[in-house]
PDB file of N, CA and C in Angstrom:
ATOM      1  N   MET A   1      58.351  -7.876 -16.856  1.00  0.00           N
ATOM      2  CA  MET A   1      57.685  -7.480 -18.132  1.00  0.00           C
ATOM      3  C   MET A   1      58.501  -7.980 -19.342  1.00  0.00           C
ATOM      4  N   LEU A   2      59.727  -8.074 -19.205  1.00  0.00           N
ATOM      5  CA  LEU A   2      60.555  -8.428 -20.303  1.00  0.00           C
ATOM      6  C   LEU A   2      60.310  -9.862 -20.736  1.00  0.00           C
ATOM      7  N   SER A   3      59.999 -10.758 -19.743  1.00  0.00           N
ATOM      8  CA  SER A   3      59.709 -11.982 -20.030  1.00  0.00           C
ATOM      9  C   SER A   3      58.443 -12.253 -20.831  1.00  0.00           C
ATOM     10  N   PHE A   4      57.533 -11.370 -20.631  1.00  0.00           N
ATOM     11  CA  PHE A   4      56.283 -11.380 -21.417  1.00  0.00           C
ATOM     12  C   PHE A   4      56.446 -11.294 -22.880  1.00  0.00           C
ATOM     13  N   TRP A   5      57.271 -10.178 -23.120  1.00  0.00           N
ATOM     14  CA  TRP A   5      57.634  -9.944 -24.599  1.00  0.00           C
ATOM     15  C   TRP A   5      58.427 -10.927 -25.184  1.00  0.00           C
ATOM     16  N   TYR A   6      59.278 -11.646 -24.381  1.00  0.00           N
ATOM     17  CA  TYR A   6      60.279 -12.648 -24.908  1.00  0.00           C
ATOM     18  C   TYR A   6      59.299 -13.891 -25.208  1.00  0.00           C
ATOM     19  N   GLN A   7      58.393 -14.236 -24.242  1.00  0.00           N
ATOM     20  CA  GLN A   7      57.406 -15.292 -24.579  1.00  0.00           C
ATOM     21  C   GLN A   7      56.548 -15.021 -25.901  1.00  0.00           C
ATOM     22  N   GLU A   8      56.007 -13.835 -26.034  1.00  0.00           N
ATOM     23  CA  GLU A   8      55.302 -13.624 -27.000  1.00  0.00           C
ATOM     24  C   GLU A   8      55.890 -13.611 -28.315  1.00  0.00           C
ATOM     25  N   ILE A   9      57.036 -13.085 -28.373  1.00  0.00           N
ATOM     26  CA  ILE A   9      57.845 -13.144 -29.620  1.00  0.00           C
ATOM     27  C   ILE A   9      58.211 -14.516 -29.981  1.00  0.00           C
ATOM     28  N   ILE A  10      58.736 -15.287 -29.102  1.00  0.00           N
ATOM     29  CA  ILE A  10      59.145 -16.675 -29.474  1.00  0.00           C
ATOM     30  C   ILE A  10      57.870 -17.570 -29.788  1.00  0.00           C
ATOM     31  N   GLY A  11      56.927 -17.352 -28.892  1.00  0.00           N
ATOM     32  CA  GLY A  11      55.442 -18.104 -29.117  1.00  0.00           C
ATOM     33  C   GLY A  11      54.936 -17.654 -30.356  1.00  0.00           C
ATOM     34  N   GLY A  12      55.009 -16.375 -30.746  1.00  0.00           N
ATOM     35  CA  GLY A  12      54.373 -15.950 -31.918  1.00  0.00           C
ATOM     36  C   GLY A  12      54.979 -16.569 -33.073  1.00  0.00           C
ATOM     37  N   ALA A  13      56.321 -16.617 -33.128  1.00  0.00           N
ATOM     38  CA  ALA A  13      57.128 -17.089 -34.213  1.00  0.00           C
ATOM     39  C   ALA A  13      56.735 -18.603 -34.452  1.00  0.00           C
ATOM     40  N   VAL A  14      56.602 -19.395 -33.399  1.00  0.00           N
ATOM     41  CA  VAL A  14      56.254 -20.694 -33.398  1.00  0.00           C
ATOM     42  C   VAL A  14      54.857 -20.845 -34.006  1.00  0.00           C
ATOM     43  N   PHE A  15      53.978 -20.003 -33.450  1.00  0.00           N
ATOM     44  CA  PHE A  15      52.584 -20.004 -33.936  1.00  0.00           C
ATOM     45  C   PHE A  15      52.496 -19.665 -35.424  1.00  0.00           C
ATOM     46  N   ALA A  16      53.311 -18.712 -35.778  1.00  0.00           N
ATOM     47  CA  ALA A  16      53.215 -18.277 -37.183  1.00  0.00           C
ATOM     48  C   ALA A  16      53.744 -19.456 -38.042  1.00  0.00           C
ATOM     49  N   LEU A  17      54.777 -20.083 -37.599  1.00  0.00           N
ATOM     50  CA  LEU A  17      55.299 -21.247 -38.454  1.00  0.00           C
ATOM     51  C   LEU A  17      54.187 -22.399 -38.525  1.00  0.00           C
ATOM     52  N   GLY A  18      53.599 -22.600 -37.467  1.00  0.00           N
ATOM     53  CA  GLY A  18      52.423 -23.596 -37.497  1.00  0.00           C
ATOM     54  C   GLY A  18      51.291 -23.084 -38.372  1.00  0.00           C
ATOM     55  N   LEU A  19      50.918 -21.864 -38.431  1.00  0.00           N
ATOM     56  CA  LEU A  19      49.963 -21.315 -39.381  1.00  0.00           C
ATOM     57  C   LEU A  19      50.377 -21.628 -40.709  1.00  0.00           C
ATOM     58  N   VAL A  20      51.603 -21.315 -40.984  1.00  0.00           N
ATOM     59  CA  VAL A  20      52.124 -21.459 -42.426  1.00  0.00           C
ATOM     60  C   VAL A  20      51.959 -22.915 -42.898  1.00  0.00           C
ATOM     61  N   LEU A  21      52.336 -23.823 -41.921  1.00  0.00           N
ATOM     62  CA  LEU A  21      52.341 -25.294 -42.414  1.00  0.00           C
ATOM     63  C   LEU A  21      50.815 -25.820 -42.529  1.00  0.00           C
ATOM     64  N   VAL A  22      49.956 -25.240 -41.564  1.00  0.00           N
ATOM     65  CA  VAL A  22      48.621 -25.632 -41.761  1.00  0.00           C
ATOM     66  C   VAL A  22      47.988 -25.047 -43.086  1.00  0.00           C
ATOM     67  N   TRP A  23      48.269 -23.842 -43.392  1.00  0.00           N
ATOM     68  CA  TRP A  23      47.770 -23.110 -44.523  1.00  0.00           C
ATOM     69  C   TRP A  23      48.274 -23.933 -45.841  1.00  0.00           C
ATOM     70  N   ARG A  24      49.450 -24.195 -45.830  1.00  0.00           N
ATOM     71  CA  ARG A  24      50.059 -25.069 -46.929  1.00  0.00           C
ATOM     72  C   ARG A  24      49.395 -26.433 -46.985  1.00  0.00           C
ATOM     73  N   GLY A  25      48.935 -26.977 -45.872  1.00  0.00           N
ATOM     74  CA  GLY A  25      48.313 -28.243 -45.896  1.00  0.00           C
ATOM     75  C   GLY A  25      46.818 -28.107 -46.277  1.00  0.00           C
ATOM     76  N   GLY A  26      46.308 -26.885 -46.583  1.00  0.00           N
ATOM     77  CA  GLY A  26      45.007 -26.715 -47.116  1.00  0.00           C
ATOM     78  C   GLY A  26      43.843 -26.664 -46.055  1.00  0.00           C
ATOM     79  N   GLU A  27      44.176 -26.567 -44.698  1.00  0.00           N
ATOM     80  CA  GLU A  27      43.222 -26.531 -43.668  1.00  0.00           C
ATOM     81  C   GLU A  27      42.792 -25.078 -43.428  1.00  0.00           C
ATOM     82  N   LEU A  28      43.492 -24.173 -43.652  1.00  0.00           N
ATOM     83  CA  LEU A  28      43.247 -22.730 -43.508  1.00  0.00           C
ATOM     84  C   LEU A  28      43.149 -22.083 -44.890  1.00  0.00           C
ATOM     85  N   GLY A  29      42.272 -21.007 -44.850  1.00  0.00           N
ATOM     86  CA  GLY A  29      42.161 -20.201 -46.094  1.00  0.00           C
ATOM     87  C   GLY A  29      41.222 -19.032 -45.841  1.00  0.00           C
ATOM     88  N   LEU A  30      40.932 -18.441 -46.960  1.00  0.00           N
ATOM     89  CA  LEU A  30      40.072 -17.157 -46.851  1.00  0.00           C
ATOM     90  C   LEU A  30      38.687 -17.590 -47.186  1.00  0.00           C
ATOM     91  N   GLU A  31      38.408 -18.904 -47.497  1.00  0.00           N
ATOM     92  CA  GLU A  31      37.045 -19.165 -47.693  1.00  0.00           C
ATOM     93  C   GLU A  31      36.391 -19.448 -46.394  1.00  0.00           C
ATOM     94  N   ARG A  32      35.090 -19.824 -46.377  1.00  0.00           N
ATOM     95  CA  ARG A  32      34.193 -19.774 -45.258  1.00  0.00           C
ATOM     96  C   ARG A  32      34.820 -20.664 -44.257  1.00  0.00           C
ATOM     97  N   ALA A  33      35.065 -21.954 -44.260  1.00  0.00           N
ATOM     98  CA  ALA A  33      35.463 -22.823 -43.252  1.00  0.00           C
ATOM     99  C   ALA A  33      36.853 -22.532 -42.794  1.00  0.00           C
ATOM    100  N   GLY A  34      37.674 -22.412 -43.720  1.00  0.00           N
ATOM    101  CA  GLY A  34      39.208 -21.899 -43.473  1.00  0.00           C
ATOM    102  C   GLY A  34      39.262 -20.657 -42.775  1.00  0.00           C
ATOM    103  N   ARG A  35      38.444 -19.744 -43.061  1.00  0.00           N
ATOM    104  CA  ARG A  35      38.443 -18.326 -42.377  1.00  0.00           C
ATOM    105  C   ARG A  35      38.068 -18.532 -40.861  1.00  0.00           C
ATOM    106  N   ARG A  36      36.953 -19.384 -40.732  1.00  0.00           N
ATOM    107  CA  ARG A  36      36.412 -19.595 -39.449  1.00  0.00           C
ATOM    108  C   ARG A  36      37.582 -20.210 -38.569  1.00  0.00           C
ATOM    109  N   ARG A  37      38.387 -21.227 -38.988  1.00  0.00           N
ATOM    110  CA  ARG A  37      39.378 -21.730 -38.326  1.00  0.00           C
ATOM    111  C   ARG A  37      40.584 -20.799 -37.845  1.00  0.00           C
ATOM    112  N   LEU A  38      40.859 -19.929 -39.068  1.00  0.00           N
ATOM    113  CA  LEU A  38      41.846 -18.980 -38.817  1.00  0.00           C
ATOM    114  C   LEU A  38      41.376 -17.964 -37.644  1.00  0.00           C
ATOM    115  N   VAL A  39      40.193 -17.539 -37.692  1.00  0.00           N
ATOM    116  CA  VAL A  39      39.795 -16.630 -36.678  1.00  0.00           C
ATOM    117  C   VAL A  39      39.816 -17.219 -35.449  1.00  0.00           C
ATOM    118  N   VAL A  40      39.363 -18.391 -35.175  1.00  0.00           N
ATOM    119  CA  VAL A  40      39.441 -19.120 -33.876  1.00  0.00           C
ATOM    120  C   VAL A  40      40.939 -19.313 -33.402  1.00  0.00           C
ATOM    121  N   LEU A  41      41.839 -19.571 -34.309  1.00  0.00           N
ATOM    122  CA  LEU A  41      43.227 -19.847 -33.820  1.00  0.00           C
ATOM    123  C   LEU A  41      43.796 -18.460 -33.500  1.00  0.00           C
ATOM    124  N   VAL A  42      43.670 -17.387 -34.218  1.00  0.00           N
ATOM    125  CA  VAL A  42      44.199 -16.133 -33.892  1.00  0.00           C
ATOM    126  C   VAL A  42      43.536 -15.482 -32.603  1.00  0.00           C
ATOM    127  N   GLY A  43      42.254 -15.669 -32.604  1.00  0.00           N
ATOM    128  CA  GLY A  43      41.487 -15.232 -31.505  1.00  0.00           C
ATOM    129  C   GLY A  43      42.010 -15.890 -30.230  1.00  0.00           C
ATOM    130  N   GLY A  44      42.158 -17.065 -30.219  1.00  0.00           N
ATOM    131  CA  GLY A  44      42.687 -17.852 -29.051  1.00  0.00           C
ATOM    132  C   GLY A  44      44.116 -17.325 -28.745  1.00  0.00           C
ATOM    133  N   LEU A  45      44.938 -17.106 -29.698  1.00  0.00           N
ATOM    134  CA  LEU A  45      46.255 -16.665 -29.261  1.00  0.00           C
ATOM    135  C   LEU A  45      46.206 -15.241 -28.649  1.00  0.00           C
ATOM    136  N   VAL A  46      45.306 -14.368 -29.203  1.00  0.00           N
ATOM    137  CA  VAL A  46      45.162 -13.015 -28.630  1.00  0.00           C
ATOM    138  C   VAL A  46      44.568 -13.031 -27.247  1.00  0.00           C
ATOM    139  N   ALA A  47      43.661 -13.915 -27.116  1.00  0.00           N
ATOM    140  CA  ALA A  47      42.911 -13.993 -25.725  1.00  0.00           C
ATOM    141  C   ALA A  47      43.864 -14.518 -24.741  1.00  0.00           C
ATOM    142  N   LEU A  48      44.711 -15.507 -24.877  1.00  0.00           N
ATOM    143  CA  LEU A  48      45.607 -16.105 -23.985  1.00  0.00           C
ATOM    144  C   LEU A  48      46.813 -15.059 -23.827  1.00  0.00           C
ATOM    145  N   ALA A  49      47.271 -14.348 -24.782  1.00  0.00           N
ATOM    146  CA  ALA A  49      48.198 -13.327 -24.628  1.00  0.00           C
ATOM    147  C   ALA A  49      47.766 -12.184 -23.604  1.00  0.00           C
ATOM    148  N   ALA A  50      46.360 -11.763 -23.835  1.00  0.00           N
ATOM    149  CA  ALA A  50      45.871 -10.668 -23.075  1.00  0.00           C
ATOM    150  C   ALA A  50      45.685 -11.279 -21.645  1.00  0.00           C
ATOM    151  N   LEU A  51      45.281 -12.485 -21.447  1.00  0.00           N
ATOM    152  CA  LEU A  51      45.267 -12.995 -20.088  1.00  0.00           C
ATOM    153  C   LEU A  51      46.562 -13.016 -19.457  1.00  0.00           C
ATOM    154  N   GLN A  52      47.629 -13.483 -20.127  1.00  0.00           N
ATOM    155  CA  GLN A  52      48.905 -13.615 -19.529  1.00  0.00           C
ATOM    156  C   GLN A  52      49.374 -12.162 -19.231  1.00  0.00           C
ATOM    157  N   PHE A  53      49.222 -11.238 -20.075  1.00  0.00           N
ATOM    158  CA  PHE A  53      49.638  -9.785 -19.895  1.00  0.00           C
ATOM    159  C   PHE A  53      48.996  -9.249 -18.633  1.00  0.00           C
ATOM    160  N   ALA A  54      47.746  -9.472 -18.459  1.00  0.00           N
ATOM    161  CA  ALA A  54      46.960  -8.989 -17.352  1.00  0.00           C
ATOM    162  C   ALA A  54      47.344  -9.630 -16.032  1.00  0.00           C
ATOM    163  N   LEU A  55      47.564 -11.023 -16.000  1.00  0.00           N
ATOM    164  CA  LEU A  55      48.107 -11.604 -14.785  1.00  0.00           C
ATOM    165  C   LEU A  55      49.597 -11.140 -14.515  1.00  0.00           C
ATOM    166  N   GLN A  56      50.391 -10.995 -15.389  1.00  0.00           N
ATOM    167  CA  GLN A  56      51.768 -10.557 -15.052  1.00  0.00           C
ATOM    168  C   GLN A  56      51.733  -9.074 -14.638  1.00  0.00           C
ATOM    169  N   TRP A  57      50.967  -8.126 -15.325  1.00  0.00           N
ATOM    170  CA  TRP A  57      50.938  -6.899 -15.012  1.00  0.00           C
ATOM    171  C   TRP A  57      50.393  -6.565 -13.549  1.00  0.00           C
ATOM    172  N   ALA A  58      49.239  -7.372 -13.224  1.00  0.00           N
ATOM    173  CA  ALA A  58      48.565  -7.324 -11.830  1.00  0.00           C
ATOM    174  C   ALA A  58      49.684  -7.696 -10.800  1.00  0.00           C
ATOM    175  N   ALA A  59      50.537  -8.593 -11.004  1.00  0.00           N
ATOM    176  CA  ALA A  59      51.438  -9.132 -10.009  1.00  0.00           C
ATOM    177  C   ALA A  59      52.525  -7.975  -9.918  1.00  0.00           C
ATOM    178  N   MET A  60      52.680  -7.123 -10.656  1.00  0.00           N
ATOM    179  CA  MET A  60      53.732  -6.051 -10.562  1.00  0.00           C
ATOM    180  C   MET A  60      53.295  -4.838  -9.715  1.00  0.00           C
ATOM    181  N   ARG A  61      51.887  -4.760  -9.498  1.00  0.00           N
ATOM    182  CA  ARG A  61      51.325  -3.698  -8.636  1.00  0.00           C
ATOM    183  C   ARG A  61      51.715  -3.682  -7.323  1.00  0.00           C
TER     184      ARG A  61
END
C-alpha cells in the first residue's frame, strides 16, 4: 500500500507541474473550453488513481 501513496504523490507532483505549464500556455482556464479540458484531465487522474487503488487493494485480500 505504501507504493500506491508513493506513486500518487510523485505522479501528482508531475501532473501538477504539467497543469501549471499548460495553464500558463493558455490552454486551460476557468472559461468554458478551458474548464472542460481541466475537468477531463483531473477526472482522468482521479479515475486512474481509483482503478490503481482498487486493483492494489484487491490483491492484498
